Amino acid sequence: MENPKDEVQAVQEKIRQLENRQKILLNKKSDAERKERTHRLIERGAILESVFPSVIPLSNEEVKTFLSNVSQLPEVRKLLKTEPKTGDAG
């Protein structure tokens, strides 16, 4: 039978290993979420430029202002309040 002191050390080591494994898994999850967001932002930027090619030479602040102004148009506000009628999510 193991010495209780050795058993405690073995359990503490196992806890450390599991905590490290948890950190690794959480980091992988965060990395995957960040990559997914980055990909989505790039795709949406490309869509914006394809629909509104005139925004390409604008600064980021100018694009933000443009989109804010467009979002305030009554027709756009109405569209944003209604659910998409097709299953097309993007």
PDB file of N, CA and C in Angstrom:
ATOM      1  N   MET A   1       0.838  -1.186   0.000  1.00  0.00           N
ATOM      2  CA  MET A   1       0.000   0.000   0.000  1.00  0.00           C
ATOM      3  C   MET A   1       0.879   1.244   0.000  1.00  0.00           C
ATOM      4  N   GLU A   2       0.449   2.266  -0.753  1.00  0.00           N
ATOM      5  CA  GLU A   2       1.235   3.495  -0.857  1.00  0.00           C
ATOM      6  C   GLU A   2       1.196   4.292   0.427  1.00  0.00           C
ATOM      7  N   ASN A   3       2.250   5.028   0.609  1.00  0.00           N
ATOM      8  CA  ASN A   3       2.334   5.958   1.720  1.00  0.00           C
ATOM      9  C   ASN A   3       1.298   7.064   1.479  1.00  0.00           C
ATOM     10  N   PRO A   4       0.493   7.459   2.483  1.00  0.00           N
ATOM     11  CA  PRO A   4      -0.515   8.510   2.282  1.00  0.00           C
ATOM     12  C   PRO A   4       0.084   9.807   1.737  1.00  0.00           C
ATOM     13  N   LYS A   5       1.295  10.117   2.120  1.00  0.00           N
ATOM     14  CA  LYS A   5       1.964  11.331   1.631  1.00  0.00           C
ATOM     15  C   LYS A   5       2.217  11.218   0.126  1.00  0.00           C
ATOM     16  N   ASP A   6       2.676  10.041  -0.317  1.00  0.00           N
ATOM     17  CA  ASP A   6       2.910   9.804  -1.743  1.00  0.00           C
ATOM     18  C   ASP A   6       1.603   9.845  -2.517  1.00  0.00           C
ATOM     19  N   GLU A   7       0.560   9.308  -1.904  1.00  0.00           N
ATOM     20  CA  GLU A   7      -0.750   9.293  -2.552  1.00  0.00           C
ATOM     21  C   GLU A   7      -1.270  10.719  -2.743  1.00  0.00           C
ATOM     22  N   VAL A   8      -1.087  11.557  -1.726  1.00  0.00           N
ATOM     23  CA  VAL A   8      -1.510  12.960  -1.811  1.00  0.00           C
ATOM     24  C   VAL A   8      -0.731  13.662  -2.919  1.00  0.00           C
ATOM     25  N   GLN A   9       0.572  13.433  -2.992  1.00  0.00           N
ATOM     26  CA  GLN A   9       1.397  14.046  -4.036  1.00  0.00           C
ATOM     27  C   GLN A   9       0.965  13.586  -5.425  1.00  0.00           C
ATOM     28  N   ALA A  10       0.641  12.309  -5.543  1.00  0.00           N
ATOM     29  CA  ALA A  10       0.199  11.774  -6.838  1.00  0.00           C
ATOM     30  C   ALA A  10      -1.120  12.424  -7.257  1.00  0.00           C
ATOM     31  N   VAL A  11      -2.030  12.583  -6.312  1.00  0.00           N
ATOM     32  CA  VAL A  11      -3.325  13.208  -6.618  1.00  0.00           C
ATOM     33  C   VAL A  11      -3.111  14.681  -6.975  1.00  0.00           C
ATOM     34  N   GLN A  12      -2.259  15.372  -6.260  1.00  0.00           N
ATOM     35  CA  GLN A  12      -1.980  16.780  -6.560  1.00  0.00           C
ATOM     36  C   GLN A  12      -1.356  16.932  -7.945  1.00  0.00           C
ATOM     37  N   GLU A  13      -0.480  16.010  -8.306  1.00  0.00           N
ATOM     38  CA  GLU A  13       0.125  16.033  -9.645  1.00  0.00           C
ATOM     39  C   GLU A  13      -0.938  15.807 -10.714  1.00  0.00           C
ATOM     40  N   LYS A  14      -1.839  14.880 -10.467  1.00  0.00           N
ATOM     41  CA  LYS A  14      -2.925  14.611 -11.414  1.00  0.00           C
ATOM     42  C   LYS A  14      -3.814  15.853 -11.561  1.00  0.00           C
ATOM     43  N   ILE A  15      -4.081  16.534 -10.457  1.00  0.00           N
ATOM     44  CA  ILE A  15      -4.873  17.772 -10.497  1.00  0.00           C
ATOM     45  C   ILE A  15      -4.157  18.819 -11.344  1.00  0.00           C
ATOM     46  N   ARG A  16      -2.868  18.989 -11.150  1.00  0.00           N
ATOM     47  CA  ARG A  16      -2.080  19.952 -11.946  1.00  0.00           C
ATOM     48  C   ARG A  16      -2.152  19.607 -13.434  1.00  0.00           C
ATOM     49  N   GLN A  17      -2.018  18.316 -13.731  1.00  0.00           N
ATOM     50  CA  GLN A  17      -2.081  17.884 -15.128  1.00  0.00           C
ATOM     51  C   GLN A  17      -3.448  18.184 -15.739  1.00  0.00           C
ATOM     52  N   LEU A  18      -4.499  17.922 -14.985  1.00  0.00           N
ATOM     53  CA  LEU A  18      -5.853  18.187 -15.484  1.00  0.00           C
ATOM     54  C   LEU A  18      -6.106  19.684 -15.648  1.00  0.00           C
ATOM     55  N   GLU A  19      -5.580  20.484 -14.715  1.00  0.00           N
ATOM     56  CA  GLU A  19      -5.728  21.943 -14.838  1.00  0.00           C
ATOM     57  C   GLU A  19      -4.989  22.453 -16.073  1.00  0.00           C
ATOM     58  N   ASN A  20      -3.805  21.920 -16.325  1.00  0.00           N
ATOM     59  CA  ASN A  20      -3.057  22.316 -17.525  1.00  0.00           C
ATOM     60  C   ASN A  20      -3.795  21.891 -18.790  1.00  0.00           C
ATOM     61  N   ARG A  21      -4.371  20.716 -18.762  1.00  0.00           N
ATOM     62  CA  ARG A  21      -5.146  20.229 -19.918  1.00  0.00           C
ATOM     63  C   ARG A  21      -6.356  21.134 -20.158  1.00  0.00           C
ATOM     64  N   GLN A  22      -6.991  21.556 -19.069  1.00  0.00           N
ATOM     65  CA  GLN A  22      -8.133  22.465 -19.169  1.00  0.00           C
ATOM     66  C   GLN A  22      -7.700  23.790 -19.804  1.00  0.00           C
ATOM     67  N   LYS A  23      -6.570  24.332 -19.372  1.00  0.00           N
ATOM     68  CA  LYS A  23      -6.055  25.579 -19.952  1.00  0.00           C
ATOM     69  C   LYS A  23      -5.797  25.422 -21.444  1.00  0.00           C
ATOM     70  N   ILE A  24      -5.210  24.298 -21.825  1.00  0.00           N
ATOM     71  CA  ILE A  24      -4.922  24.037 -23.243  1.00  0.00           C
ATOM     72  C   ILE A  24      -6.215  23.997 -24.046  1.00  0.00           C
ATOM     73  N   LEU A  25      -7.225  23.300 -23.526  1.00  0.00           N
ATOM     74  CA  LEU A  25      -8.502  23.195 -24.234  1.00  0.00           C
ATOM     75  C   LEU A  25      -9.204  24.548 -24.334  1.00  0.00           C
ATOM     76  N   LEU A  26      -9.154  25.325 -23.264  1.00  0.00           N
ATOM     77  CA  LEU A  26      -9.771  26.663 -23.297  1.00  0.00           C
ATOM     78  C   LEU A  26      -9.053  27.568 -24.295  1.00  0.00           C
ATOM     79  N   ASN A  27      -7.733  27.461 -24.370  1.00  0.00           N
ATOM     80  CA  ASN A  27      -6.972  28.253 -25.342  1.00  0.00           C
ATOM     81  C   ASN A  27      -7.326  27.848 -26.771  1.00  0.00           C
ATOM     82  N   LYS A  28      -7.465  26.542 -26.998  1.00  0.00           N
ATOM     83  CA  LYS A  28      -7.850  26.069 -28.338  1.00  0.00           C
ATOM     84  C   LYS A  28      -9.227  26.600 -28.712  1.00  0.00           C
ATOM     85  N   LYS A  29     -10.143  26.592 -27.758  1.00  0.00           N
ATOM     86  CA  LYS A  29     -11.495  27.085 -28.009  1.00  0.00           C
ATOM     87  C   LYS A  29     -11.458  28.578 -28.343  1.00  0.00           C
ATOM     88  N   SER A  30     -10.705  29.346 -27.562  1.00  0.00           N
ATOM     89  CA  SER A  30     -10.580  30.787 -27.811  1.00  0.00           C
ATOM     90  C   SER A  30      -9.962  31.053 -29.183  1.00  0.00           C
ATOM     91  N   ASP A  31      -8.941  30.289 -29.535  1.00  0.00           N
ATOM     92  CA  ASP A  31      -8.297  30.444 -30.841  1.00  0.00           C
ATOM     93  C   ASP A  31      -9.274  30.153 -31.971  1.00  0.00           C
ATOM     94  N   ALA A  32     -10.054  29.086 -31.818  1.00  0.00           N
ATOM     95  CA  ALA A  32     -11.020  28.725 -32.855  1.00  0.00           C
ATOM     96  C   ALA A  32     -12.090  29.803 -32.999  1.00  0.00           C
ATOM     97  N   GLU A  33     -12.562  30.331 -31.870  1.00  0.00           N
ATOM     98  CA  GLU A  33     -13.572  31.391 -31.914  1.00  0.00           C
ATOM     99  C   GLU A  33     -13.014  32.651 -32.571  1.00  0.00           C
ATOM    100  N   ARG A  34     -11.768  32.989 -32.261  1.00  0.00           N
ATOM    101  CA  ARG A  34     -11.133  34.179 -32.845  1.00  0.00           C
ATOM    102  C   ARG A  34     -10.955  34.010 -34.352  1.00  0.00           C
ATOM    103  N   LYS A  35     -10.508  32.829 -34.770  1.00  0.00           N
ATOM    104  CA  LYS A  35     -10.330  32.562 -36.202  1.00  0.00           C
ATOM    105  C   LYS A  35     -11.664  32.619 -36.942  1.00  0.00           C
ATOM    106  N   GLU A  36     -12.710  32.075 -36.307  1.00  0.00           N
ATOM    107  CA  GLU A  36     -14.044  32.096 -36.915  1.00  0.00           C
ATOM    108  C   GLU A  36     -14.530  33.536 -37.075  1.00  0.00           C
ATOM    109  N   ARG A  37     -14.318  34.350 -36.062  1.00  0.00           N
ATOM    110  CA  ARG A  37     -14.731  35.757 -36.127  1.00  0.00           C
ATOM    111  C   ARG A  37     -13.937  36.499 -37.201  1.00  0.00           C
ATOM    112  N   THR A  38     -12.641  36.286 -37.230  1.00  0.00           N
ATOM    113  CA  THR A  38     -11.798  36.937 -38.232  1.00  0.00           C
ATOM    114  C   THR A  38     -12.256  36.565 -39.637  1.00  0.00           C
ATOM    115  N   HIS A  39     -12.530  35.302 -39.860  1.00  0.00           N
ATOM    116  CA  HIS A  39     -12.998  34.832 -41.166  1.00  0.00           C
ATOM    117  C   HIS A  39     -14.321  35.510 -41.532  1.00  0.00           C
ATOM    118  N   ARG A  40     -15.235  35.569 -40.563  1.00  0.00           N
ATOM    119  CA  ARG A  40     -16.538  36.192 -40.803  1.00  0.00           C
ATOM    120  C   ARG A  40     -16.372  37.673 -41.149  1.00  0.00           C
ATOM    121  N   LEU A  41     -15.507  38.371 -40.417  1.00  0.00           N
ATOM    122  CA  LEU A  41     -15.296  39.797 -40.678  1.00  0.00           C
ATOM    123  C   LEU A  41     -14.700  40.032 -42.064  1.00  0.00           C
ATOM    124  N   ILE A  42     -13.772  39.192 -42.461  1.00  0.00           N
ATOM    125  CA  ILE A  42     -13.172  39.317 -43.790  1.00  0.00           C
ATOM    126  C   ILE A  42     -14.221  39.074 -44.874  1.00  0.00           C
ATOM    127  N   GLU A  43     -15.023  38.023 -44.694  1.00  0.00           N
ATOM    128  CA  GLU A  43     -16.072  37.734 -45.677  1.00  0.00           C
ATOM    129  C   GLU A  43     -17.058  38.889 -45.789  1.00  0.00           C
ATOM    130  N   ARG A  44     -17.465  39.429 -44.650  1.00  0.00           N
ATOM    131  CA  ARG A  44     -18.444  40.517 -44.674  1.00  0.00           C
ATOM    132  C   ARG A  44     -17.856  41.790 -45.257  1.00  0.00           C
ATOM    133  N   GLY A  45     -16.584  42.037 -45.011  1.00  0.00           N
ATOM    134  CA  GLY A  45     -15.926  43.182 -45.636  1.00  0.00           C
ATOM    135  C   GLY A  45     -15.898  43.022 -47.147  1.00  0.00           C
ATOM    136  N   ALA A  46     -15.639  41.816 -47.597  1.00  0.00           N
ATOM    137  CA  ALA A  46     -15.628  41.551 -49.045  1.00  0.00           C
ATOM    138  C   ALA A  46     -17.024  41.744 -49.633  1.00  0.00           C
ATOM    139  N   ILE A  47     -18.039  41.312 -48.910  1.00  0.00           N
ATOM    140  CA  ILE A  47     -19.415  41.500 -49.373  1.00  0.00           C
ATOM    141  C   ILE A  47     -19.731  42.983 -49.455  1.00  0.00           C
ATOM    142  N   LEU A  48     -19.361  43.733 -48.423  1.00  0.00           N
ATOM    143  CA  LEU A  48     -19.593  45.180 -48.417  1.00  0.00           C
ATOM    144  C   LEU A  48     -18.949  45.838 -49.633  1.00  0.00           C
ATOM    145  N   GLU A  49     -17.705  45.496 -49.902  1.00  0.00           N
ATOM    146  CA  GLU A  49     -17.002  46.088 -51.044  1.00  0.00           C
ATOM    147  C   GLU A  49     -17.592  45.653 -52.377  1.00  0.00           C
ATOM    148  N   SER A  50     -18.136  44.451 -52.444  1.00  0.00           N
ATOM    149  CA  SER A  50     -18.724  44.009 -53.712  1.00  0.00           C
ATOM    150  C   SER A  50     -20.075  44.680 -53.965  1.00  0.00           C
ATOM    151  N   VAL A  51     -20.826  44.932 -52.899  1.00  0.00           N
ATOM    152  CA  VAL A  51     -22.130  45.582 -53.042  1.00  0.00           C
ATOM    153  C   VAL A  51     -21.976  47.096 -53.202  1.00  0.00           C
ATOM    154  N   PHE A  52     -21.020  47.667 -52.487  1.00  0.00           N
ATOM    155  CA  PHE A  52     -20.765  49.109 -52.536  1.00  0.00           C
ATOM    156  C   PHE A  52     -19.302  49.357 -52.904  1.00  0.00           C
ATOM    157  N   PRO A  53     -18.925  49.189 -54.177  1.00  0.00           N
ATOM    158  CA  PRO A  53     -17.520  49.362 -54.555  1.00  0.00           C
ATOM    159  C   PRO A  53     -16.989  50.764 -54.253  1.00  0.00           C
ATOM    160  N   SER A  54     -17.871  51.742 -54.161  1.00  0.00           N
ATOM    161  CA  SER A  54     -17.425  53.105 -53.893  1.00  0.00           C
ATOM    162  C   SER A  54     -16.859  53.278 -52.483  1.00  0.00           C
ATOM    163  N   VAL A  55     -17.054  52.292 -51.577  1.00  0.00           N
ATOM    164  CA  VAL A  55     -16.497  52.418 -50.225  1.00  0.00           C
ATOM    165  C   VAL A  55     -15.025  52.002 -50.166  1.00  0.00           C
ATOM    166  N   ILE A  56     -14.531  51.379 -51.204  1.00  0.00           N
ATOM    167  CA  ILE A  56     -13.157  50.857 -51.182  1.00  0.00           C
ATOM    168  C   ILE A  56     -12.128  51.952 -50.850  1.00  0.00           C
ATOM    169  N   PRO A  57     -12.199  53.118 -51.488  1.00  0.00           N
ATOM    170  CA  PRO A  57     -11.177  54.119 -51.157  1.00  0.00           C
ATOM    171  C   PRO A  57     -11.428  54.880 -49.847  1.00  0.00           C
ATOM    172  N   LEU A  58     -12.571  54.663 -49.216  1.00  0.00           N
ATOM    173  CA  LEU A  58     -12.896  55.403 -47.996  1.00  0.00           C
ATOM    174  C   LEU A  58     -12.090  54.903 -46.802  1.00  0.00           C
ATOM    175  N   SER A  59     -11.929  55.791 -45.826  1.00  0.00           N
ATOM    176  CA  SER A  59     -11.285  55.383 -44.578  1.00  0.00           C
ATOM    177  C   SER A  59     -12.278  54.563 -43.762  1.00  0.00           C
ATOM    178  N   ASN A  60     -11.789  53.891 -42.745  1.00  0.00           N
ATOM    179  CA  ASN A  60     -12.667  53.099 -41.885  1.00  0.00           C
ATOM    180  C   ASN A  60     -13.750  53.971 -41.254  1.00  0.00           C
ATOM    181  N   GLU A  61     -13.374  55.157 -40.823  1.00  0.00           N
ATOM    182  CA  GLU A  61     -14.342  56.061 -40.200  1.00  0.00           C
ATOM    183  C   GLU A  61     -15.411  56.486 -41.206  1.00  0.00           C
ATOM    184  N   GLU A  62     -15.001  56.722 -42.440  1.00  0.00           N
ATOM    185  CA  GLU A  62     -15.967  57.090 -43.480  1.00  0.00           C
ATOM    186  C   GLU A  62     -16.913  55.932 -43.802  1.00  0.00           C
ATOM    187  N   VAL A  63     -16.398  54.721 -43.818  1.00  0.00           N
ATOM    188  CA  VAL A  63     -17.247  53.547 -44.054  1.00  0.00           C
ATOM    189  C   VAL A  63     -18.240  53.404 -42.902  1.00  0.00           C
ATOM    190  N   LYS A  64     -17.766  53.613 -41.695  1.00  0.00           N
ATOM    191  CA  LYS A  64     -18.639  53.530 -40.521  1.00  0.00           C
ATOM    192  C   LYS A  64     -19.766  54.564 -40.625  1.00  0.00           C
ATOM    193  N   THR A  65     -19.422  55.787 -40.999  1.00  0.00           N
ATOM    194  CA  THR A  65     -20.421  56.841 -41.157  1.00  0.00           C
ATOM    195  C   THR A  65     -21.408  56.481 -42.250  1.00  0.00           C
ATOM    196  N   PHE A  66     -20.898  55.975 -43.376  1.00  0.00           N
ATOM    197  CA  PHE A  66     -21.749  55.562 -44.483  1.00  0.00           C
ATOM    198  C   PHE A  66     -22.751  54.507 -44.021  1.00  0.00           C
ATOM    199  N   LEU A  67     -22.267  53.485 -43.350  1.00  0.00           N
ATOM    200  CA  LEU A  67     -23.141  52.408 -42.893  1.00  0.00           C
ATOM    201  C   LEU A  67     -24.142  52.903 -41.846  1.00  0.00           C
ATOM    202  N   SER A  68     -23.700  53.788 -40.977  1.00  0.00           N
ATOM    203  CA  SER A  68     -24.622  54.358 -39.991  1.00  0.00           C
ATOM    204  C   SER A  68     -25.735  55.129 -40.682  1.00  0.00           C
ATOM    205  N   ASN A  69     -25.363  55.906 -41.692  1.00  0.00           N
ATOM    206  CA  ASN A  69     -26.366  56.670 -42.432  1.00  0.00           C
ATOM    207  C   ASN A  69     -27.326  55.747 -43.178  1.00  0.00           C
ATOM    208  N   VAL A  70     -26.789  54.727 -43.810  1.00  0.00           N
ATOM    209  CA  VAL A  70     -27.627  53.780 -44.541  1.00  0.00           C
ATOM    210  C   VAL A  70     -28.570  53.064 -43.569  1.00  0.00           C
ATOM    211  N   SER A  71     -28.061  52.704 -42.399  1.00  0.00           N
ATOM    212  CA  SER A  71     -28.886  51.963 -41.438  1.00  0.00           C
ATOM    213  C   SER A  71     -30.057  52.785 -40.915  1.00  0.00           C
ATOM    214  N   GLN A  72     -29.983  54.113 -41.045  1.00  0.00           N
ATOM    215  CA  GLN A  72     -31.058  54.978 -40.561  1.00  0.00           C
ATOM    216  C   GLN A  72     -32.153  55.208 -41.598  1.00  0.00           C
ATOM    217  N   LEU A  73     -31.944  54.774 -42.826  1.00  0.00           N
ATOM    218  CA  LEU A  73     -32.970  54.941 -43.851  1.00  0.00           C
ATOM    219  C   LEU A  73     -34.199  54.125 -43.463  1.00  0.00           C
ATOM    220  N   PRO A  74     -35.393  54.702 -43.617  1.00  0.00           N
ATOM    221  CA  PRO A  74     -36.615  53.983 -43.206  1.00  0.00           C
ATOM    222  C   PRO A  74     -36.755  52.610 -43.854  1.00  0.00           C
ATOM    223  N   GLU A  75     -36.398  52.502 -45.130  1.00  0.00           N
ATOM    224  CA  GLU A  75     -36.529  51.220 -45.817  1.00  0.00           C
ATOM    225  C   GLU A  75     -35.597  50.164 -45.199  1.00  0.00           C
ATOM    226  N   VAL A  76     -34.428  50.608 -44.852  1.00  0.00           N
ATOM    227  CA  VAL A  76     -33.446  49.680 -44.265  1.00  0.00           C
ATOM    228  C   VAL A  76     -33.893  49.276 -42.865  1.00  0.00           C
ATOM    229  N   ARG A  77     -34.353  50.226 -42.087  1.00  0.00           N
ATOM    230  CA  ARG A  77     -34.825  49.920 -40.728  1.00  0.00           C
ATOM    231  C   ARG A  77     -35.967  48.909 -40.783  1.00  0.00           C
ATOM    232  N   LYS A  78     -36.849  49.076 -41.770  1.00  0.00           N
ATOM    233  CA  LYS A  78     -37.970  48.140 -41.931  1.00  0.00           C
ATOM    234  C   LYS A  78     -37.444  46.747 -42.283  1.00  0.00           C
ATOM    235  N   LEU A  79     -36.475  46.684 -43.198  1.00  0.00           N
ATOM    236  CA  LEU A  79     -35.895  45.387 -43.583  1.00  0.00           C
ATOM    237  C   LEU A  79     -35.219  44.698 -42.397  1.00  0.00           C
ATOM    238  N   LEU A  80     -34.545  45.473 -41.587  1.00  0.00           N
ATOM    239  CA  LEU A  80     -33.826  44.894 -40.452  1.00  0.00           C
ATOM    240  C   LEU A  80     -34.775  44.372 -39.373  1.00  0.00           C
ATOM    241  N   LYS A  81     -35.986  44.893 -39.333  1.00  0.00           N
ATOM    242  CA  LYS A  81     -36.959  44.441 -38.331  1.00  0.00           C
ATOM    243  C   LYS A  81     -37.689  43.184 -38.760  1.00  0.00           C
ATOM    244  N   THR A  82     -37.680  42.867 -40.053  1.00  0.00           N
ATOM    245  CA  THR A  82     -38.398  41.681 -40.532  1.00  0.00           C
ATOM    246  C   THR A  82     -37.441  40.507 -40.624  1.00  0.00           C
ATOM    247  N   GLU A  83     -37.981  39.329 -40.428  1.00  0.00           N
ATOM    248  CA  GLU A  83     -37.210  38.095 -40.540  1.00  0.00           C
ATOM    249  C   GLU A  83     -36.989  37.773 -42.025  1.00  0.00           C
ATOM    250  N   PRO A  84     -35.842  37.211 -42.354  1.00  0.00           N
ATOM    251  CA  PRO A  84     -35.623  36.787 -43.735  1.00  0.00           C
ATOM    252  C   PRO A  84     -36.667  35.739 -44.137  1.00  0.00           C
ATOM    253  N   LYS A  85     -37.203  35.868 -45.341  1.00  0.00           N
ATOM    254  CA  LYS A  85     -38.242  34.938 -45.789  1.00  0.00           C
ATOM    255  C   LYS A  85     -37.647  33.680 -46.404  1.00  0.00           C
ATOM    256  N   THR A  86     -36.384  33.745 -46.804  1.00  0.00           N
ATOM    257  CA  THR A  86     -35.733  32.556 -47.370  1.00  0.00           C
ATOM    258  C   THR A  86     -34.819  31.967 -46.305  1.00  0.00           C
ATOM    259  N   GLY A  87     -34.362  30.760 -46.541  1.00  0.00           N
ATOM    260  CA  GLY A  87     -33.448  30.111 -45.621  1.00  0.00           C
ATOM    261  C   GLY A  87     -32.017  30.566 -45.828  1.00  0.00           C
ATOM    262  N   ASP A  88     -31.809  31.564 -46.692  1.00  0.00           N
ATOM    263  CA  ASP A  88     -30.478  32.045 -47.029  1.00  0.00           C
ATOM    264  C   ASP A  88     -29.932  32.883 -45.881  1.00  0.00           C
ATOM    265  N   ALA A  89     -28.964  32.331 -45.136  1.00  0.00           N
ATOM    266  CA  ALA A  89     -28.367  33.056 -44.016  1.00  0.00           C
ATOM    267  C   ALA A  89     -27.084  33.748 -44.421  1.00  0.00           C
ATOM    268  N   GLY A  90     -26.643  33.639 -45.623  1.00  0.00           N
ATOM    269  CA  GLY A  90     -25.435  34.346 -46.021  1.00  0.00           C
ATOM    270  C   GLY A  90     -24.833  33.719 -47.126  1.00  0.00           C
TER     271      GLY A  90
END
